[in-house]
Amino acid sequence: MTEDEIVAAIATLCRSSSFGTNRIAPNKLILGIGDDAAIWQPSRSHRSAISTDMLVEGVDFTSEAMSPEDAGWRAMAANLSDLAAVGARPVLATVALGFPQATAVEKILELYRGLAACAAEYRIAIAGGDLSSAGAIAIAITVVGEVRSSNVKTRSGGRPGDVLAVTAPLGSARAGLELTRRELHLSSELADAALQAFRRPSPRVAEGRFFATSRNVDALIDISDGLATDVNRLAGASECGAVVEDVPVSAAAAAVAAALGEEGASFALAGGEDFELLVAIRPRAFKYLASRYAARFGRELIRVGSLRDEPGVIRNGTPLERSGWDHFER
């Protein structure tokens, strides 16, 4: 197939059934796939939030660990998590896809099915993109969201004394990765939970918008590179230090870590790609906000520590260094 034929097939896929852009962004997306640029109409009372992320085969995912459809879902979810971290509602995305010339067209469309399925789940329109030949599959996505000016959250607003909390136990994505590498004896329920977290993560978009409406939330960041790294990022951006008092580990992560003879906390601290949210909340409001969170989402908002005046992040009385994934440190 030619490039134009592939683009036409992708456009048909993205516009069909539940992936239709008119259903996802009514009166917002004026011009989508097929022209030189996408045109959309933002509302007057909101700010635009824009983020870009890239996944490369052999670096961020492998064909042995996940299907092309899972890779597409995961790529879109990673970008949506960035919008969640500023409290934004997803609006539209563009996708730049590079792949070797010998790649089967069906593999490309399968990847796009994953992209489109995740986009439909979180009501974001795929408005266009680009195709190119490359040495390996590379997926670069730009997402655009909207957030009220008064609701914008950043990682830099934390204050000493703020409670640090996470939206769920951590480490499942790392557990899922380990299960793709070796055979471990786990219950099917725990194995399925770990693989689902790794291959089809759930960005906390609704949770991000929930926190965005609260004046008692001072800072927000998504946990993409492990709790140890991202708590350092939030504290540093807020010109604070932090104390990590508790590291909540998911049941799947605890089981896989035990099978490997490792500490479960290491999966949460350094595993990365959980795409939960780390939130800094004013101490007097934490109990109230946690009760509202539990009522809304059916799970606990888990306290992990607090911000402090003294610089640096400590756990158990010793410095907690960044230990998560870094593309340029091996």
Protein backbone atom coordinates (compact mmCIF):
# COMPACT_ATOMS: atom_id res chain seq x y z
CA MET A 1 0.00 0.00 0.00
CA THR A 2 1.07 3.58 -0.61
CA GLU A 3 1.35 6.16 2.18
CA ASP A 4 -1.90 7.80 1.05
CA GLU A 5 -3.68 4.45 1.09
CA ILE A 6 -2.42 3.72 4.61
CA VAL A 7 -3.54 7.18 5.78
CA ALA A 8 -6.96 6.59 4.23
CA ALA A 9 -7.27 3.24 6.01
CA ILE A 10 -6.28 4.83 9.32
CA ALA A 11 -8.74 7.68 8.80
CA THR A 12 -11.53 5.20 8.14
CA LEU A 13 -10.63 3.23 11.26
CA CYS A 14 -10.55 6.33 13.47
CA ARG A 15 -13.85 7.67 12.13
CA SER A 16 -15.78 4.42 12.31
CA SER A 17 -18.23 3.33 15.02
CA SER A 18 -17.26 4.43 18.54
CA PHE A 19 -13.99 5.95 17.32
CA GLY A 20 -15.79 8.67 15.37
CA THR A 21 -14.32 12.10 16.05
CA ASN A 22 -17.70 13.80 15.86
CA ARG A 23 -18.93 11.61 18.71
CA ILE A 24 -15.84 12.20 20.80
CA ALA A 25 -15.44 15.96 20.35
CA PRO A 26 -18.71 17.46 19.06
CA ASN A 27 -18.35 21.04 17.81
CA LYS A 28 -14.68 21.02 18.77
CA LEU A 29 -12.84 19.27 15.92
CA ILE A 30 -13.54 21.26 12.77
CA LEU A 31 -10.96 19.65 10.49
CA GLY A 32 -9.34 16.28 11.18
CA ILE A 33 -7.32 13.59 9.40
CA GLY A 34 -6.61 14.25 5.72
CA ASP A 35 -5.51 17.89 5.61
CA ASP A 36 -2.28 19.72 6.42
CA ALA A 37 -3.34 20.63 9.95
CA ALA A 38 -6.14 19.86 12.37
CA ILE A 39 -8.45 22.72 13.31
CA TRP A 40 -10.29 22.83 16.61
CA GLN A 41 -12.28 25.39 18.58
CA PRO A 42 -11.29 25.81 22.23
CA SER A 43 -13.75 27.28 24.65
CA ARG A 44 -13.21 30.80 25.92
CA SER A 45 -13.09 29.93 29.63
CA HIS A 46 -10.46 27.18 29.48
CA ARG A 47 -6.73 26.90 28.98
CA SER A 48 -5.20 24.41 26.57
CA ALA A 49 -2.87 21.73 27.96
CA ILE A 50 -0.47 20.12 25.47
CA SER A 51 1.93 17.23 25.98
CA THR A 52 4.03 14.96 23.76
CA ASP A 53 5.41 11.51 24.50
CA MET A 54 7.21 8.91 22.39
CA LEU A 55 7.43 5.11 22.59
CA VAL A 56 10.10 3.26 20.62
CA GLU A 57 10.14 -0.48 19.95
CA GLY A 58 13.07 -2.13 21.66
CA VAL A 59 13.32 0.70 24.20
CA ASP A 60 9.83 1.25 25.61
CA PHE A 61 8.16 -1.96 24.43
CA THR A 62 8.93 -5.19 22.56
CA SER A 63 6.81 -7.39 20.32
CA GLU A 64 7.59 -10.31 22.64
CA ALA A 65 6.06 -8.51 25.62
CA MET A 66 2.91 -7.11 24.01
CA SER A 67 0.85 -7.11 20.83
CA PRO A 68 0.81 -4.10 18.47
CA GLU A 69 -2.70 -3.31 19.73
CA ASP A 70 -1.47 -3.27 23.34
CA ALA A 71 1.46 -1.05 22.31
CA GLY A 72 -0.95 1.40 20.71
CA TRP A 73 -3.15 1.50 23.81
CA ARG A 74 -0.16 1.97 26.09
CA ALA A 75 1.26 4.78 23.97
CA MET A 76 -2.00 6.73 24.10
CA ALA A 77 -2.47 6.00 27.83
CA ALA A 78 0.99 7.37 28.66
CA ASN A 79 0.10 10.66 26.99
CA LEU A 80 -3.32 10.86 28.62
CA SER A 81 -1.64 10.40 31.99
CA ASP A 82 0.24 13.66 31.39
CA LEU A 83 -3.06 15.48 30.87
CA ALA A 84 -4.42 13.88 34.04
CA ALA A 85 -1.45 15.27 35.95
CA VAL A 86 -2.50 18.85 35.24
CA GLY A 87 -6.21 18.20 35.74
CA ALA A 88 -7.11 18.55 32.07
CA ARG A 89 -9.94 17.01 30.06
CA PRO A 90 -8.60 15.29 26.91
CA VAL A 91 -9.75 16.85 23.62
CA LEU A 92 -7.62 15.72 20.68
CA ALA A 93 -4.41 13.93 19.73
CA THR A 94 -2.10 13.68 16.76
CA VAL A 95 -0.01 10.57 16.12
CA ALA A 96 3.33 10.38 14.30
CA LEU A 97 4.20 6.78 13.46
CA GLY A 98 7.51 5.49 12.12
CA PHE A 99 7.99 1.86 11.07
CA PRO A 100 10.31 -0.32 8.95
CA GLN A 101 9.26 -0.53 5.29
CA ALA A 102 8.77 -4.29 5.58
CA THR A 103 6.12 -3.90 8.31
CA ALA A 104 2.81 -5.52 7.37
CA VAL A 105 -0.05 -3.08 6.92
CA GLU A 106 -2.23 -5.19 9.23
CA LYS A 107 0.32 -4.72 12.01
CA ILE A 108 0.12 -0.94 11.54
CA LEU A 109 -3.66 -1.01 11.63
CA GLU A 110 -3.62 -3.30 14.68
CA LEU A 111 -1.46 -0.74 16.47
CA TYR A 112 -3.91 1.97 15.45
CA ARG A 113 -6.80 -0.10 16.79
CA GLY A 114 -5.14 0.06 20.20
CA LEU A 115 -4.59 3.80 19.86
CA ALA A 116 -8.19 4.34 18.78
CA ALA A 117 -9.64 2.07 21.47
CA CYS A 118 -7.86 4.00 24.21
CA ALA A 119 -8.84 7.30 22.58
CA ALA A 120 -12.49 6.23 22.53
CA GLU A 121 -12.37 5.05 26.15
CA TYR A 122 -11.13 8.47 27.31
CA ARG A 123 -13.06 10.52 24.72
CA ILE A 124 -10.15 12.07 22.88
CA ALA A 125 -10.25 12.57 19.10
CA ILE A 126 -7.35 11.43 16.93
CA ALA A 127 -7.14 14.46 14.65
CA GLY A 128 -4.19 13.62 12.41
CA GLY A 129 -0.48 12.86 12.40
CA ASP A 130 2.30 11.61 10.14
CA LEU A 131 3.85 8.41 8.79
CA SER A 132 7.51 7.73 8.06
CA SER A 133 9.89 4.85 7.51
CA ALA A 134 12.14 4.09 10.48
CA GLY A 135 14.52 1.44 11.73
CA ALA A 136 12.02 0.39 14.42
CA ILE A 137 8.43 1.19 15.27
CA ALA A 138 8.26 4.62 16.93
CA ILE A 139 5.01 6.17 18.17
CA ALA A 140 5.07 9.90 18.96
CA ILE A 141 1.80 11.35 20.22
CA THR A 142 0.82 14.92 20.99
CA VAL A 143 -2.28 15.35 23.12
CA VAL A 144 -4.31 18.50 23.75
CA GLY A 145 -6.64 19.00 26.68
CA GLU A 146 -8.68 21.73 28.32
CA VAL A 147 -8.71 22.88 31.92
CA ARG A 148 -10.26 25.87 33.65
CA SER A 149 -7.71 28.52 34.52
CA SER A 150 -8.56 28.20 38.21
CA ASN A 151 -8.17 24.41 38.13
CA VAL A 152 -4.70 24.05 36.61
CA LYS A 153 -2.44 21.87 38.77
CA THR A 154 1.33 21.61 38.43
CA ARG A 155 4.11 19.75 40.19
CA SER A 156 5.51 23.02 41.56
CA GLY A 157 2.74 24.16 43.91
CA GLY A 158 3.48 21.99 46.93
CA ARG A 159 4.00 23.51 50.38
CA PRO A 160 5.84 22.23 53.46
CA GLY A 161 3.40 20.22 55.56
CA ASP A 162 1.32 19.04 52.59
CA VAL A 163 0.28 15.39 52.73
CA LEU A 164 1.58 13.27 49.85
CA ALA A 165 -0.82 10.59 48.62
CA VAL A 166 -1.18 8.21 45.68
CA THR A 167 -4.31 7.10 43.87
CA ALA A 168 -3.69 3.33 44.24
CA PRO A 169 -1.03 0.81 45.30
CA LEU A 170 2.01 0.72 43.02
CA GLY A 171 4.25 -1.76 41.26
CA SER A 172 1.80 -3.71 39.10
CA ALA A 173 3.29 -2.54 35.79
CA ARG A 174 6.76 -3.70 36.83
CA ALA A 175 5.23 -7.01 37.90
CA GLY A 176 3.62 -7.38 34.48
CA LEU A 177 6.93 -6.69 32.76
CA GLU A 178 8.61 -9.41 34.80
CA LEU A 179 5.89 -11.88 33.82
CA THR A 180 6.64 -11.27 30.13
CA ARG A 181 10.28 -12.14 30.75
CA ARG A 182 9.96 -15.37 32.72
CA GLU A 183 7.49 -17.96 33.94
CA LEU A 184 6.45 -17.47 37.55
CA HIS A 185 3.90 -19.40 39.57
CA LEU A 186 1.14 -16.90 40.40
CA SER A 187 -2.60 -17.17 40.65
CA SER A 188 -4.33 -16.34 37.37
CA GLU A 189 -6.04 -13.37 39.04
CA LEU A 190 -2.77 -11.76 40.11
CA ALA A 191 -1.04 -12.56 36.82
CA ASP A 192 -3.91 -11.06 34.82
CA ALA A 193 -3.88 -7.92 36.97
CA ALA A 194 -0.14 -7.45 36.48
CA LEU A 195 -0.24 -8.00 32.72
CA GLN A 196 -3.23 -5.70 32.36
CA ALA A 197 -1.40 -2.94 34.25
CA PHE A 198 1.64 -3.36 32.01
CA ARG A 199 -0.09 -3.73 28.64
CA ARG A 200 -3.29 -1.72 29.10
CA PRO A 201 -2.70 0.85 31.85
CA SER A 202 -5.55 3.10 32.97
CA PRO A 203 -4.56 6.78 33.02
CA ARG A 204 -6.24 8.54 35.94
CA VAL A 205 -7.99 11.21 33.87
CA ALA A 206 -11.15 11.36 36.00
CA GLU A 207 -9.07 11.43 39.17
CA GLY A 208 -6.95 14.28 37.81
CA ARG A 209 -10.05 16.34 37.08
CA PHE A 210 -11.39 15.51 40.56
CA PHE A 211 -8.22 16.89 42.18
CA ALA A 212 -8.25 19.89 39.85
CA THR A 213 -11.50 21.14 41.33
CA SER A 214 -10.10 21.23 44.89
CA ARG A 215 -8.37 24.33 46.21
CA ASN A 216 -6.79 22.10 48.86
CA VAL A 217 -4.70 20.28 46.24
CA ASP A 218 -1.42 22.16 45.82
CA ALA A 219 0.53 19.92 43.43
CA LEU A 220 0.06 16.94 41.14
CA ILE A 221 2.29 14.64 39.08
CA ASP A 222 1.80 11.28 37.40
CA ILE A 223 3.95 8.34 38.47
CA SER A 224 5.57 7.32 35.21
CA ASP A 225 9.12 6.63 36.36
CA GLY A 226 8.64 5.16 39.83
CA LEU A 227 7.65 6.75 43.14
CA ALA A 228 11.26 7.44 44.16
CA THR A 229 11.88 9.52 41.04
CA ASP A 230 8.55 11.29 40.87
CA VAL A 231 8.37 12.28 44.55
CA ASN A 232 11.81 13.83 44.06
CA ARG A 233 10.51 15.66 41.00
CA LEU A 234 7.46 17.05 42.79
CA ALA A 235 9.42 18.05 45.89
CA GLY A 236 12.19 19.65 43.84
CA ALA A 237 9.80 21.60 41.64
CA SER A 238 7.98 22.80 44.77
CA GLU A 239 11.29 23.84 46.37
CA CYS A 240 10.59 21.49 49.28
CA GLY A 241 11.93 18.30 50.70
CA ALA A 242 9.83 15.24 51.48
CA VAL A 243 9.50 12.33 53.87
CA VAL A 244 8.26 9.03 52.46
CA GLU A 245 6.54 7.18 55.30
CA ASP A 246 4.82 4.35 53.44
CA VAL A 247 5.23 2.63 50.06
CA PRO A 248 1.93 0.98 49.06
CA VAL A 249 2.59 -2.15 46.99
CA SER A 250 -0.10 -3.85 44.93
CA ALA A 251 -0.91 -7.51 45.58
CA ALA A 252 0.37 -8.47 42.12
CA ALA A 253 3.66 -6.64 42.67
CA ALA A 254 4.13 -8.18 46.11
CA ALA A 255 3.56 -11.67 44.70
CA VAL A 256 5.95 -11.27 41.78
CA ALA A 257 8.61 -9.66 43.97
CA ALA A 258 8.36 -12.53 46.46
CA ALA A 259 8.69 -15.07 43.65
CA LEU A 260 11.87 -13.32 42.54
CA GLY A 261 13.23 -12.95 46.07
CA GLU A 262 13.02 -9.15 45.92
CA GLU A 263 11.47 -6.52 48.17
CA GLY A 264 8.00 -5.53 47.01
CA ALA A 265 8.69 -1.88 47.76
CA SER A 266 11.41 -1.83 45.10
CA PHE A 267 8.75 -2.48 42.43
CA ALA A 268 6.80 0.57 43.57
CA LEU A 269 9.81 2.84 44.10
CA ALA A 270 11.70 2.06 40.91
CA GLY A 271 9.32 0.14 38.66
CA GLY A 272 7.71 3.01 36.80
CA GLU A 273 4.83 3.21 34.33
CA ASP A 274 2.10 2.74 36.93
CA PHE A 275 0.49 6.01 35.73
CA GLU A 276 -1.10 6.61 39.12
CA LEU A 277 -1.13 10.17 40.45
CA LEU A 278 0.95 11.60 43.29
CA VAL A 279 -0.90 14.49 44.92
CA ALA A 280 0.09 17.09 47.53
CA ILE A 281 -2.85 18.04 49.76
CA ARG A 282 -3.12 20.59 52.53
CA PRO A 283 -3.00 18.64 55.80
CA ARG A 284 -6.26 19.86 57.31
CA ALA A 285 -8.17 18.84 54.17
CA PHE A 286 -6.65 15.40 53.62
CA LYS A 287 -9.17 13.35 55.61
CA TYR A 288 -12.13 15.07 53.95
CA LEU A 289 -10.70 14.82 50.44
CA ALA A 290 -9.76 11.17 50.99
CA SER A 291 -13.32 10.33 52.02
CA ARG A 292 -14.70 12.07 48.92
CA TYR A 293 -12.16 10.22 46.77
CA ALA A 294 -13.16 6.84 48.22
CA ALA A 295 -16.85 7.58 47.67
CA ARG A 296 -16.24 8.67 44.09
CA PHE A 297 -13.75 6.03 42.91
CA GLY A 298 -14.33 3.10 45.25
CA ARG A 299 -10.75 2.84 46.50
CA GLU A 300 -8.53 4.47 49.09
CA LEU A 301 -6.45 7.58 48.57
CA ILE A 302 -3.25 6.35 50.17
CA ARG A 303 -1.02 8.60 52.26
CA VAL A 304 2.66 8.00 51.48
CA GLY A 305 4.34 10.90 53.28
CA SER A 306 4.57 14.67 53.46
CA LEU A 307 6.48 17.66 52.16
CA ARG A 308 8.92 19.46 54.49
CA ASP A 309 11.10 22.57 54.63
CA GLU A 310 14.42 20.72 54.59
CA PRO A 311 15.68 19.86 51.10
CA GLY A 312 15.97 16.27 49.92
CA VAL A 313 13.72 13.24 50.11
CA ILE A 314 14.19 10.73 52.92
CA ARG A 315 12.75 7.30 53.71
CA ASN A 316 13.51 5.45 56.94
CA GLY A 317 15.87 8.25 57.90
CA THR A 318 18.09 7.95 54.82
CA PRO A 319 18.06 9.78 51.48
CA LEU A 320 15.71 8.32 48.88
CA GLU A 321 17.53 8.65 45.59
CA ARG A 322 15.88 8.56 42.19
CA SER A 323 15.86 4.95 41.10
CA GLY A 324 13.29 4.70 38.31
CA TRP A 325 13.68 4.46 34.55
CA ASP A 326 15.83 7.05 32.75
CA HIS A 327 16.28 6.86 28.97
CA PHE A 328 19.82 8.21 29.16
CA GLU A 329 21.19 6.39 32.21
CA ARG A 330 21.94 2.70 31.75
